[in-house]
């Protein structure tokens, strides 16, 4: 597994790219949807921010705290989870989740909301990296991901970087549909 500082540097590079892309888009672009089943670019950004803050980073913290949300450190990843972490990236395929009130992100209110959200994730990632550098992750417990199985604190942290990189494919696809 990559060391924490490498993951953080890679993640910060991805965020710079996402912010740069935001500078080329207006609110109309951010809210445009191909159809009701698809997300807009703005919703994709909201998904990245919310999943990092409220799922990935939170689960990393729970693992280190060894609280009631965790499973035993011997719990395993699924086959898909093992494959994902061995490759160090998501496969370059489209993942489609049915629209639902629980999963579908709300559209952003402004570009500033997205920039501030991305900055908040970077700050939280920096804090998490410093904590991960100070503790023995091997002693942390795990939290199960719905598709990837049991992940420890460092794996939840690494997953954020892989997730952000994976969504560049969606961003390119959605940008290609602008104006249609």
N, C-alpha and C. Protein backbone atom coordinates (compact mmCIF):
# COMPACT_ATOMS: atom_id res chain seq x y z
N UNK A 1 0.85 -1.18 0.00
CA UNK A 1 0.00 0.00 0.00
C UNK A 1 0.89 1.24 0.00
N UNK A 2 0.42 2.27 -0.69
CA UNK A 2 1.17 3.52 -0.77
C UNK A 2 1.24 4.18 0.59
N UNK A 3 2.31 4.93 0.82
CA UNK A 3 2.40 5.62 2.10
C UNK A 3 1.48 6.83 2.11
N UNK A 4 1.10 7.22 3.30
CA UNK A 4 0.10 8.26 3.49
C UNK A 4 0.44 9.55 2.78
N UNK A 5 1.70 9.97 2.85
CA UNK A 5 2.08 11.24 2.21
C UNK A 5 1.92 11.18 0.69
N UNK A 6 2.18 10.03 0.08
CA UNK A 6 2.00 9.88 -1.36
C UNK A 6 0.52 9.95 -1.73
N UNK A 7 -0.31 9.32 -0.93
CA UNK A 7 -1.76 9.34 -1.17
C UNK A 7 -2.27 10.77 -1.06
N UNK A 8 -1.83 11.47 -0.01
CA UNK A 8 -2.27 12.85 0.19
C UNK A 8 -1.84 13.74 -0.97
N UNK A 9 -0.60 13.59 -1.41
CA UNK A 9 -0.11 14.40 -2.54
C UNK A 9 -0.90 14.10 -3.81
N UNK A 10 -1.17 12.84 -4.08
CA UNK A 10 -1.95 12.45 -5.24
C UNK A 10 -3.36 13.02 -5.15
N UNK A 11 -3.96 12.92 -3.97
CA UNK A 11 -5.30 13.45 -3.77
C UNK A 11 -5.34 14.96 -4.00
N UNK A 12 -4.38 15.68 -3.45
CA UNK A 12 -4.35 17.14 -3.61
C UNK A 12 -4.20 17.52 -5.08
N UNK A 13 -3.45 16.73 -5.85
CA UNK A 13 -3.33 16.97 -7.29
C UNK A 13 -4.68 16.79 -7.97
N UNK A 14 -5.42 15.76 -7.58
CA UNK A 14 -6.75 15.53 -8.14
C UNK A 14 -7.68 16.69 -7.82
N UNK A 15 -7.64 17.17 -6.59
CA UNK A 15 -8.51 18.28 -6.19
C UNK A 15 -8.16 19.53 -6.99
N UNK A 16 -6.88 19.79 -7.21
CA UNK A 16 -6.49 20.95 -8.03
C UNK A 16 -7.09 20.84 -9.43
N UNK A 17 -7.09 19.62 -9.97
CA UNK A 17 -7.67 19.41 -11.29
C UNK A 17 -9.18 19.66 -11.26
N UNK A 18 -9.86 19.17 -10.22
CA UNK A 18 -11.30 19.40 -10.10
C UNK A 18 -11.61 20.90 -9.97
N UNK A 19 -10.82 21.63 -9.20
CA UNK A 19 -11.04 23.07 -9.05
C UNK A 19 -10.77 23.77 -10.39
N UNK A 20 -9.72 23.34 -11.07
CA UNK A 20 -9.43 23.90 -12.40
C UNK A 20 -10.58 23.68 -13.37
N UNK A 21 -11.17 22.51 -13.33
CA UNK A 21 -12.32 22.23 -14.19
C UNK A 21 -13.50 23.12 -13.83
N UNK A 22 -13.69 23.37 -12.53
CA UNK A 22 -14.78 24.25 -12.11
C UNK A 22 -14.63 25.65 -12.71
N UNK A 23 -13.40 26.10 -12.85
CA UNK A 23 -13.15 27.43 -13.41
C UNK A 23 -13.57 27.55 -14.86
N UNK A 24 -13.74 26.42 -15.55
CA UNK A 24 -14.14 26.44 -16.96
C UNK A 24 -15.65 26.28 -17.14
N UNK A 25 -16.37 26.07 -16.04
CA UNK A 25 -17.79 25.78 -16.11
C UNK A 25 -18.60 26.89 -15.45
N UNK A 26 -19.82 27.11 -15.94
CA UNK A 26 -20.73 28.04 -15.26
C UNK A 26 -21.82 27.22 -14.56
N UNK A 27 -22.67 27.90 -13.82
CA UNK A 27 -23.71 27.18 -13.06
C UNK A 27 -24.64 26.39 -13.97
N UNK A 28 -24.92 26.92 -15.14
CA UNK A 28 -25.78 26.19 -16.07
C UNK A 28 -25.13 24.85 -16.44
N UNK A 29 -23.83 24.88 -16.68
CA UNK A 29 -23.10 23.64 -16.97
C UNK A 29 -23.16 22.67 -15.79
N UNK A 30 -23.00 23.21 -14.58
CA UNK A 30 -22.97 22.38 -13.39
C UNK A 30 -24.31 21.72 -13.09
N UNK A 31 -25.39 22.34 -13.56
CA UNK A 31 -26.73 21.82 -13.26
C UNK A 31 -27.35 21.02 -14.40
N UNK A 32 -26.74 21.07 -15.59
CA UNK A 32 -27.31 20.38 -16.75
C UNK A 32 -27.26 18.87 -16.55
N UNK A 33 -28.39 18.23 -16.86
CA UNK A 33 -28.50 16.77 -16.77
C UNK A 33 -28.96 16.23 -18.11
N UNK A 34 -28.38 15.13 -18.52
CA UNK A 34 -28.77 14.49 -19.77
C UNK A 34 -30.20 13.95 -19.68
N UNK A 35 -30.52 13.39 -18.49
CA UNK A 35 -31.88 12.90 -18.23
C UNK A 35 -32.05 12.79 -16.72
N UNK A 36 -33.22 12.38 -16.28
CA UNK A 36 -33.50 12.33 -14.84
C UNK A 36 -32.73 11.24 -14.10
N UNK A 37 -32.25 10.25 -14.81
CA UNK A 37 -31.49 9.18 -14.19
C UNK A 37 -30.01 9.53 -14.00
N UNK A 38 -29.55 10.51 -14.77
CA UNK A 38 -28.13 10.90 -14.72
C UNK A 38 -27.91 11.99 -13.69
N UNK A 39 -26.68 12.10 -13.21
CA UNK A 39 -26.28 13.20 -12.35
C UNK A 39 -25.76 14.33 -13.22
N UNK A 40 -25.88 15.52 -12.69
CA UNK A 40 -25.21 16.66 -13.31
C UNK A 40 -23.76 16.68 -12.83
N UNK A 41 -22.95 17.51 -13.45
CA UNK A 41 -21.57 17.67 -13.00
C UNK A 41 -21.56 18.16 -11.55
N UNK A 42 -22.43 19.10 -11.24
CA UNK A 42 -22.50 19.61 -9.88
C UNK A 42 -22.85 18.53 -8.87
N UNK A 43 -23.78 17.65 -9.22
CA UNK A 43 -24.13 16.55 -8.32
C UNK A 43 -22.96 15.60 -8.14
N UNK A 44 -22.18 15.37 -9.20
CA UNK A 44 -21.01 14.52 -9.08
C UNK A 44 -20.02 15.13 -8.09
N UNK A 45 -19.80 16.45 -8.19
CA UNK A 45 -18.91 17.13 -7.23
C UNK A 45 -19.45 16.98 -5.81
N UNK A 46 -20.76 17.17 -5.63
CA UNK A 46 -21.36 17.03 -4.30
C UNK A 46 -21.16 15.60 -3.77
N UNK A 47 -21.29 14.62 -4.64
CA UNK A 47 -21.07 13.23 -4.27
C UNK A 47 -19.64 13.02 -3.77
N UNK A 48 -18.68 13.56 -4.49
CA UNK A 48 -17.28 13.40 -4.09
C UNK A 48 -17.03 14.01 -2.71
N UNK A 49 -17.55 15.21 -2.51
CA UNK A 49 -17.35 15.91 -1.24
C UNK A 49 -18.03 15.15 -0.10
N UNK A 50 -19.29 14.82 -0.30
CA UNK A 50 -20.07 14.18 0.76
C UNK A 50 -19.57 12.78 1.09
N UNK A 51 -19.20 12.01 0.08
CA UNK A 51 -18.73 10.65 0.35
C UNK A 51 -17.41 10.68 1.12
N UNK A 52 -16.53 11.62 0.78
CA UNK A 52 -15.26 11.73 1.50
C UNK A 52 -15.49 12.15 2.95
N UNK A 53 -16.29 13.19 3.15
CA UNK A 53 -16.49 13.73 4.50
C UNK A 53 -17.34 12.83 5.39
N UNK A 54 -18.42 12.29 4.83
CA UNK A 54 -19.40 11.63 5.67
C UNK A 54 -19.37 10.11 5.61
N UNK A 55 -18.52 9.56 4.76
CA UNK A 55 -18.39 8.10 4.73
C UNK A 55 -16.92 7.69 4.91
N UNK A 56 -16.08 8.02 3.93
CA UNK A 56 -14.71 7.52 3.94
C UNK A 56 -13.90 8.01 5.14
N UNK A 57 -13.83 9.33 5.33
CA UNK A 57 -13.04 9.86 6.44
C UNK A 57 -13.65 9.47 7.79
N UNK A 58 -14.96 9.51 7.87
CA UNK A 58 -15.63 9.12 9.13
C UNK A 58 -15.33 7.66 9.46
N UNK A 59 -15.36 6.79 8.46
CA UNK A 59 -15.08 5.38 8.71
C UNK A 59 -13.62 5.16 9.09
N UNK A 60 -12.72 5.93 8.50
CA UNK A 60 -11.32 5.84 8.89
C UNK A 60 -11.16 6.20 10.37
N UNK A 61 -11.84 7.26 10.80
CA UNK A 61 -11.79 7.66 12.21
C UNK A 61 -12.38 6.58 13.12
N UNK A 62 -13.50 5.99 12.71
CA UNK A 62 -14.12 4.93 13.52
C UNK A 62 -13.17 3.75 13.67
N UNK A 63 -12.45 3.41 12.61
CA UNK A 63 -11.51 2.30 12.69
C UNK A 63 -10.43 2.56 13.74
N UNK A 64 -9.91 3.76 13.75
CA UNK A 64 -8.86 4.11 14.70
C UNK A 64 -9.39 4.17 16.13
N UNK A 65 -10.66 4.55 16.27
CA UNK A 65 -11.26 4.65 17.60
C UNK A 65 -11.69 3.29 18.14
N UNK A 66 -11.72 2.28 17.27
CA UNK A 66 -12.16 0.94 17.67
C UNK A 66 -13.51 0.99 18.39
N UNK A 67 -14.43 1.76 17.82
CA UNK A 67 -15.73 1.90 18.48
C UNK A 67 -16.72 0.83 18.01
N UNK A 68 -17.96 1.00 18.41
CA UNK A 68 -18.98 -0.02 18.16
C UNK A 68 -19.31 -0.23 16.68
N UNK A 69 -18.87 0.66 15.82
CA UNK A 69 -19.15 0.52 14.39
C UNK A 69 -18.18 -0.43 13.68
N UNK A 70 -17.13 -0.83 14.37
CA UNK A 70 -16.09 -1.61 13.72
C UNK A 70 -16.33 -3.11 13.79
N UNK A 71 -15.64 -3.80 12.91
CA UNK A 71 -15.60 -5.26 12.93
C UNK A 71 -14.18 -5.66 13.30
N UNK A 72 -13.97 -6.91 13.62
CA UNK A 72 -12.66 -7.39 14.04
C UNK A 72 -11.61 -7.16 12.95
N UNK A 73 -10.40 -6.91 13.37
CA UNK A 73 -9.31 -6.63 12.44
C UNK A 73 -9.04 -7.79 11.48
N UNK A 74 -9.49 -9.00 11.81
CA UNK A 74 -9.30 -10.15 10.92
C UNK A 74 -10.34 -10.23 9.82
N UNK A 75 -11.37 -9.38 9.85
CA UNK A 75 -12.40 -9.40 8.82
C UNK A 75 -11.75 -9.12 7.46
N UNK A 76 -12.31 -9.66 6.41
CA UNK A 76 -11.68 -9.64 5.09
C UNK A 76 -12.40 -8.72 4.10
N UNK A 77 -11.66 -8.37 3.07
CA UNK A 77 -12.25 -7.67 1.92
C UNK A 77 -12.99 -8.69 1.06
N UNK A 78 -13.90 -8.19 0.24
CA UNK A 78 -14.52 -9.04 -0.78
C UNK A 78 -13.50 -9.26 -1.89
N UNK A 79 -13.83 -10.15 -2.81
CA UNK A 79 -12.94 -10.37 -3.95
C UNK A 79 -12.77 -9.07 -4.74
N UNK A 80 -13.86 -8.33 -4.93
CA UNK A 80 -13.78 -7.04 -5.62
C UNK A 80 -12.89 -6.07 -4.84
N UNK A 81 -13.01 -6.06 -3.53
CA UNK A 81 -12.17 -5.19 -2.71
C UNK A 81 -10.69 -5.55 -2.82
N UNK A 82 -10.39 -6.84 -2.79
CA UNK A 82 -8.99 -7.27 -2.94
C UNK A 82 -8.44 -6.84 -4.30
N UNK A 83 -9.24 -7.06 -5.34
CA UNK A 83 -8.82 -6.69 -6.70
C UNK A 83 -8.57 -5.19 -6.80
N UNK A 84 -9.47 -4.42 -6.24
CA UNK A 84 -9.37 -2.96 -6.28
C UNK A 84 -8.08 -2.48 -5.61
N UNK A 85 -7.80 -2.99 -4.41
CA UNK A 85 -6.62 -2.52 -3.68
C UNK A 85 -5.32 -3.09 -4.26
N UNK A 86 -5.36 -4.27 -4.84
CA UNK A 86 -4.17 -4.79 -5.51
C UNK A 86 -3.82 -3.94 -6.72
N UNK A 87 -4.85 -3.50 -7.46
CA UNK A 87 -4.62 -2.66 -8.64
C UNK A 87 -4.31 -1.22 -8.25
N UNK A 88 -4.74 -0.81 -7.07
CA UNK A 88 -4.52 0.57 -6.63
C UNK A 88 -5.43 1.57 -7.31
N UNK A 89 -6.49 1.07 -7.95
CA UNK A 89 -7.41 1.96 -8.65
C UNK A 89 -8.70 1.21 -8.96
N UNK A 90 -9.73 1.99 -9.24
CA UNK A 90 -10.99 1.41 -9.70
C UNK A 90 -10.80 0.98 -11.15
N UNK A 91 -11.49 -0.06 -11.58
CA UNK A 91 -11.43 -0.38 -13.01
C UNK A 91 -12.09 0.74 -13.81
N UNK A 92 -11.63 0.98 -15.04
CA UNK A 92 -12.17 2.10 -15.83
C UNK A 92 -13.53 1.79 -16.46
N UNK A 93 -14.47 1.41 -15.61
CA UNK A 93 -15.81 1.10 -16.09
C UNK A 93 -16.81 2.00 -15.37
N UNK A 94 -17.93 2.21 -16.02
CA UNK A 94 -18.97 3.05 -15.44
C UNK A 94 -19.74 2.26 -14.39
N UNK A 95 -19.92 2.87 -13.23
CA UNK A 95 -20.70 2.28 -12.16
C UNK A 95 -22.01 3.04 -12.10
N UNK A 96 -23.11 2.34 -12.24
CA UNK A 96 -24.42 2.99 -12.25
C UNK A 96 -25.22 2.50 -11.05
N UNK A 97 -25.60 3.47 -10.22
CA UNK A 97 -26.42 3.18 -9.05
C UNK A 97 -27.80 3.78 -9.31
N UNK A 98 -28.87 3.02 -9.08
CA UNK A 98 -30.21 3.56 -9.33
C UNK A 98 -30.45 4.84 -8.51
N UNK A 99 -31.14 5.79 -9.12
CA UNK A 99 -31.47 7.03 -8.44
C UNK A 99 -32.32 6.73 -7.21
N UNK A 100 -31.99 7.41 -6.11
CA UNK A 100 -32.77 7.25 -4.88
C UNK A 100 -32.56 8.49 -4.02
N UNK A 101 -33.54 8.84 -3.18
CA UNK A 101 -33.38 10.00 -2.30
C UNK A 101 -32.20 9.85 -1.34
N UNK A 102 -31.86 8.61 -0.96
CA UNK A 102 -30.77 8.39 -0.01
C UNK A 102 -29.39 8.54 -0.67
N UNK A 103 -29.30 8.26 -1.96
CA UNK A 103 -27.99 8.21 -2.60
C UNK A 103 -27.75 9.37 -3.57
N UNK A 104 -28.77 9.82 -4.26
CA UNK A 104 -28.60 10.85 -5.28
C UNK A 104 -28.32 12.19 -4.61
N UNK A 105 -27.18 12.81 -4.92
CA UNK A 105 -26.84 14.09 -4.28
C UNK A 105 -27.72 15.23 -4.79
N UNK A 106 -27.92 16.19 -3.93
CA UNK A 106 -28.63 17.41 -4.32
C UNK A 106 -27.70 18.23 -5.22
N UNK A 107 -28.25 19.05 -6.10
CA UNK A 107 -27.40 19.93 -6.90
C UNK A 107 -26.77 21.01 -6.02
N UNK A 108 -25.62 21.51 -6.42
CA UNK A 108 -24.98 22.56 -5.63
C UNK A 108 -25.74 23.88 -5.75
N UNK A 109 -25.59 24.70 -4.72
CA UNK A 109 -26.20 26.03 -4.74
C UNK A 109 -25.32 27.04 -5.48
N UNK A 110 -24.00 26.77 -5.50
CA UNK A 110 -23.07 27.70 -6.15
C UNK A 110 -21.75 27.00 -6.43
N UNK A 111 -20.95 27.59 -7.29
CA UNK A 111 -19.60 27.07 -7.51
C UNK A 111 -18.78 27.21 -6.24
N UNK A 112 -19.00 28.30 -5.51
CA UNK A 112 -18.27 28.54 -4.26
C UNK A 112 -18.51 27.41 -3.26
N UNK A 113 -19.73 26.90 -3.21
CA UNK A 113 -20.04 25.77 -2.32
C UNK A 113 -19.16 24.57 -2.66
N UNK A 114 -18.95 24.34 -3.95
CA UNK A 114 -18.13 23.21 -4.37
C UNK A 114 -16.66 23.43 -4.04
N UNK A 115 -16.17 24.63 -4.31
CA UNK A 115 -14.77 24.95 -4.00
C UNK A 115 -14.52 24.80 -2.50
N UNK A 116 -15.42 25.37 -1.70
CA UNK A 116 -15.26 25.29 -0.25
C UNK A 116 -15.37 23.84 0.24
N UNK A 117 -16.25 23.07 -0.36
CA UNK A 117 -16.37 21.66 0.01
C UNK A 117 -15.10 20.88 -0.30
N UNK A 118 -14.53 21.12 -1.48
CA UNK A 118 -13.27 20.45 -1.84
C UNK A 118 -12.15 20.87 -0.89
N UNK A 119 -12.11 22.15 -0.54
CA UNK A 119 -11.08 22.62 0.40
C UNK A 119 -11.25 21.97 1.77
N UNK A 120 -12.49 21.80 2.19
CA UNK A 120 -12.76 21.14 3.47
C UNK A 120 -12.27 19.69 3.44
N UNK A 121 -12.49 19.01 2.32
CA UNK A 121 -12.02 17.63 2.21
C UNK A 121 -10.49 17.60 2.28
N UNK A 122 -9.82 18.52 1.60
CA UNK A 122 -8.36 18.57 1.65
C UNK A 122 -7.88 18.77 3.09
N UNK A 123 -8.51 19.69 3.81
CA UNK A 123 -8.12 19.93 5.20
C UNK A 123 -8.31 18.67 6.05
N UNK A 124 -9.44 18.00 5.87
CA UNK A 124 -9.70 16.78 6.64
C UNK A 124 -8.72 15.66 6.25
N UNK A 125 -8.38 15.59 4.98
CA UNK A 125 -7.40 14.59 4.53
C UNK A 125 -6.03 14.86 5.16
N UNK A 126 -5.64 16.12 5.25
CA UNK A 126 -4.36 16.46 5.88
C UNK A 126 -4.36 16.05 7.35
N UNK A 127 -5.47 16.32 8.04
CA UNK A 127 -5.57 15.92 9.45
C UNK A 127 -5.50 14.40 9.58
N UNK A 128 -6.25 13.72 8.72
CA UNK A 128 -6.26 12.25 8.77
C UNK A 128 -4.88 11.69 8.49
N UNK A 129 -4.18 12.27 7.53
CA UNK A 129 -2.83 11.79 7.20
C UNK A 129 -1.90 11.93 8.40
N UNK A 130 -1.99 13.05 9.11
CA UNK A 130 -1.11 13.22 10.27
C UNK A 130 -1.44 12.22 11.37
N UNK A 131 -2.72 11.90 11.54
CA UNK A 131 -3.10 10.90 12.53
C UNK A 131 -2.62 9.52 12.09
N UNK A 132 -2.83 9.18 10.83
CA UNK A 132 -2.41 7.87 10.33
C UNK A 132 -0.90 7.70 10.42
N UNK A 133 -0.15 8.78 10.26
CA UNK A 133 1.31 8.71 10.38
C UNK A 133 1.75 8.45 11.82
N UNK A 134 0.90 8.79 12.78
CA UNK A 134 1.25 8.68 14.20
C UNK A 134 0.84 7.35 14.84
N UNK A 135 -0.06 6.61 14.18
CA UNK A 135 -0.58 5.40 14.82
C UNK A 135 -0.24 4.17 14.00
N UNK A 136 -0.37 3.05 14.63
CA UNK A 136 -0.18 1.77 13.94
C UNK A 136 -1.54 1.34 13.39
N UNK A 137 -1.70 1.45 12.08
CA UNK A 137 -2.97 1.09 11.45
C UNK A 137 -3.25 -0.40 11.62
N UNK A 138 -2.19 -1.18 11.75
CA UNK A 138 -2.39 -2.63 11.88
C UNK A 138 -3.16 -2.98 13.15
N UNK A 139 -3.17 -2.08 14.14
CA UNK A 139 -3.92 -2.36 15.36
C UNK A 139 -5.36 -1.86 15.28
N UNK A 140 -5.68 -1.11 14.21
CA UNK A 140 -7.05 -0.60 14.11
C UNK A 140 -7.98 -1.70 13.66
N UNK A 141 -9.23 -1.50 14.00
CA UNK A 141 -10.25 -2.44 13.54
C UNK A 141 -10.70 -2.01 12.16
N UNK A 142 -11.76 -2.60 11.66
CA UNK A 142 -12.20 -2.34 10.29
C UNK A 142 -13.68 -2.01 10.27
N UNK A 143 -14.08 -1.38 9.19
CA UNK A 143 -15.50 -1.13 8.92
C UNK A 143 -15.77 -1.68 7.53
N UNK A 144 -16.90 -2.35 7.39
CA UNK A 144 -17.24 -2.96 6.11
C UNK A 144 -17.80 -1.94 5.13
N UNK A 145 -17.25 -1.97 3.94
CA UNK A 145 -17.76 -1.21 2.80
C UNK A 145 -18.80 -2.11 2.13
N UNK A 146 -19.90 -1.54 1.63
CA UNK A 146 -20.95 -2.38 1.04
C UNK A 146 -20.49 -3.27 -0.11
N UNK A 147 -19.49 -2.84 -0.87
CA UNK A 147 -19.05 -3.64 -2.01
C UNK A 147 -17.64 -4.21 -1.84
N UNK A 148 -16.81 -3.56 -1.03
CA UNK A 148 -15.39 -3.94 -0.96
C UNK A 148 -15.03 -4.74 0.29
N UNK A 149 -15.96 -4.88 1.21
CA UNK A 149 -15.69 -5.64 2.42
C UNK A 149 -15.01 -4.81 3.48
N UNK A 150 -14.36 -5.49 4.41
CA UNK A 150 -13.78 -4.86 5.59
C UNK A 150 -12.50 -4.10 5.24
N UNK A 151 -12.52 -2.79 5.55
CA UNK A 151 -11.37 -1.91 5.29
C UNK A 151 -10.89 -1.30 6.59
N UNK A 152 -9.55 -1.17 6.71
CA UNK A 152 -9.00 -0.51 7.89
C UNK A 152 -8.90 1.00 7.65
N UNK A 153 -8.41 1.72 8.63
CA UNK A 153 -8.36 3.18 8.56
C UNK A 153 -7.56 3.68 7.36
N UNK A 154 -6.43 3.08 7.10
CA UNK A 154 -5.60 3.51 5.97
C UNK A 154 -6.28 3.20 4.64
N UNK A 155 -6.95 2.07 4.54
CA UNK A 155 -7.63 1.70 3.30
C UNK A 155 -8.78 2.65 3.01
N UNK A 156 -9.52 3.07 4.04
CA UNK A 156 -10.58 4.06 3.82
C UNK A 156 -9.98 5.36 3.31
N UNK A 157 -8.83 5.74 3.84
CA UNK A 157 -8.12 6.95 3.42
C UNK A 157 -7.69 6.84 1.95
N UNK A 158 -7.08 5.74 1.59
CA UNK A 158 -6.62 5.50 0.22
C UNK A 158 -7.80 5.46 -0.74
N UNK A 159 -8.92 4.91 -0.29
CA UNK A 159 -10.10 4.80 -1.14
C UNK A 159 -10.56 6.17 -1.64
N UNK A 160 -10.39 7.21 -0.84
CA UNK A 160 -10.80 8.55 -1.24
C UNK A 160 -10.04 8.98 -2.49
N UNK A 161 -8.74 8.79 -2.50
CA UNK A 161 -7.93 9.16 -3.66
C UNK A 161 -8.35 8.35 -4.89
N UNK A 162 -8.55 7.05 -4.71
CA UNK A 162 -8.97 6.21 -5.84
C UNK A 162 -10.35 6.64 -6.36
N UNK A 163 -11.24 6.98 -5.45
CA UNK A 163 -12.60 7.39 -5.81
C UNK A 163 -12.58 8.69 -6.61
N UNK A 164 -11.81 9.66 -6.16
CA UNK A 164 -11.72 10.94 -6.88
C UNK A 164 -11.15 10.73 -8.28
N UNK A 165 -10.14 9.91 -8.41
CA UNK A 165 -9.56 9.64 -9.73
C UNK A 165 -10.56 8.94 -10.64
N UNK A 166 -11.30 8.01 -10.08
CA UNK A 166 -12.28 7.27 -10.88
C UNK A 166 -13.33 8.21 -11.48
N UNK A 167 -13.75 9.21 -10.73
CA UNK A 167 -14.80 10.11 -11.20
C UNK A 167 -14.34 11.07 -12.31
N UNK A 168 -13.05 11.12 -12.60
CA UNK A 168 -12.60 11.91 -13.76
C UNK A 168 -13.23 11.35 -15.04
N UNK A 169 -13.45 10.05 -15.09
CA UNK A 169 -14.09 9.44 -16.26
C UNK A 169 -15.52 9.98 -16.42
N UNK A 170 -16.24 10.07 -15.31
CA UNK A 170 -17.60 10.60 -15.34
C UNK A 170 -17.58 12.08 -15.72
N UNK A 171 -16.64 12.83 -15.16
CA UNK A 171 -16.55 14.25 -15.48
C UNK A 171 -16.33 14.46 -16.99
N UNK A 172 -15.43 13.68 -17.56
CA UNK A 172 -15.18 13.79 -19.01
C UNK A 172 -16.42 13.46 -19.81
N UNK A 173 -17.15 12.42 -19.41
CA UNK A 173 -18.37 12.03 -20.10
C UNK A 173 -19.43 13.13 -19.99
N UNK A 174 -19.61 13.66 -18.79
CA UNK A 174 -20.63 14.69 -18.58
C UNK A 174 -20.26 15.99 -19.31
N UNK A 175 -18.99 16.34 -19.32
CA UNK A 175 -18.57 17.55 -20.05
C UNK A 175 -18.82 17.37 -21.55
N UNK A 176 -18.63 16.15 -22.05
CA UNK A 176 -18.87 15.88 -23.47
C UNK A 176 -20.33 16.02 -23.85
N UNK A 177 -21.22 15.92 -22.86
CA UNK A 177 -22.66 16.05 -23.11
C UNK A 177 -23.18 17.48 -22.95
N UNK A 178 -22.32 18.40 -22.53
CA UNK A 178 -22.78 19.78 -22.31
C UNK A 178 -23.28 20.39 -23.61
N UNK A 179 -24.38 21.09 -23.51
CA UNK A 179 -24.95 21.75 -24.68
C UNK A 179 -25.84 20.87 -25.53
N UNK A 180 -25.91 19.59 -25.20
CA UNK A 180 -26.77 18.66 -25.95
C UNK A 180 -28.20 18.75 -25.47
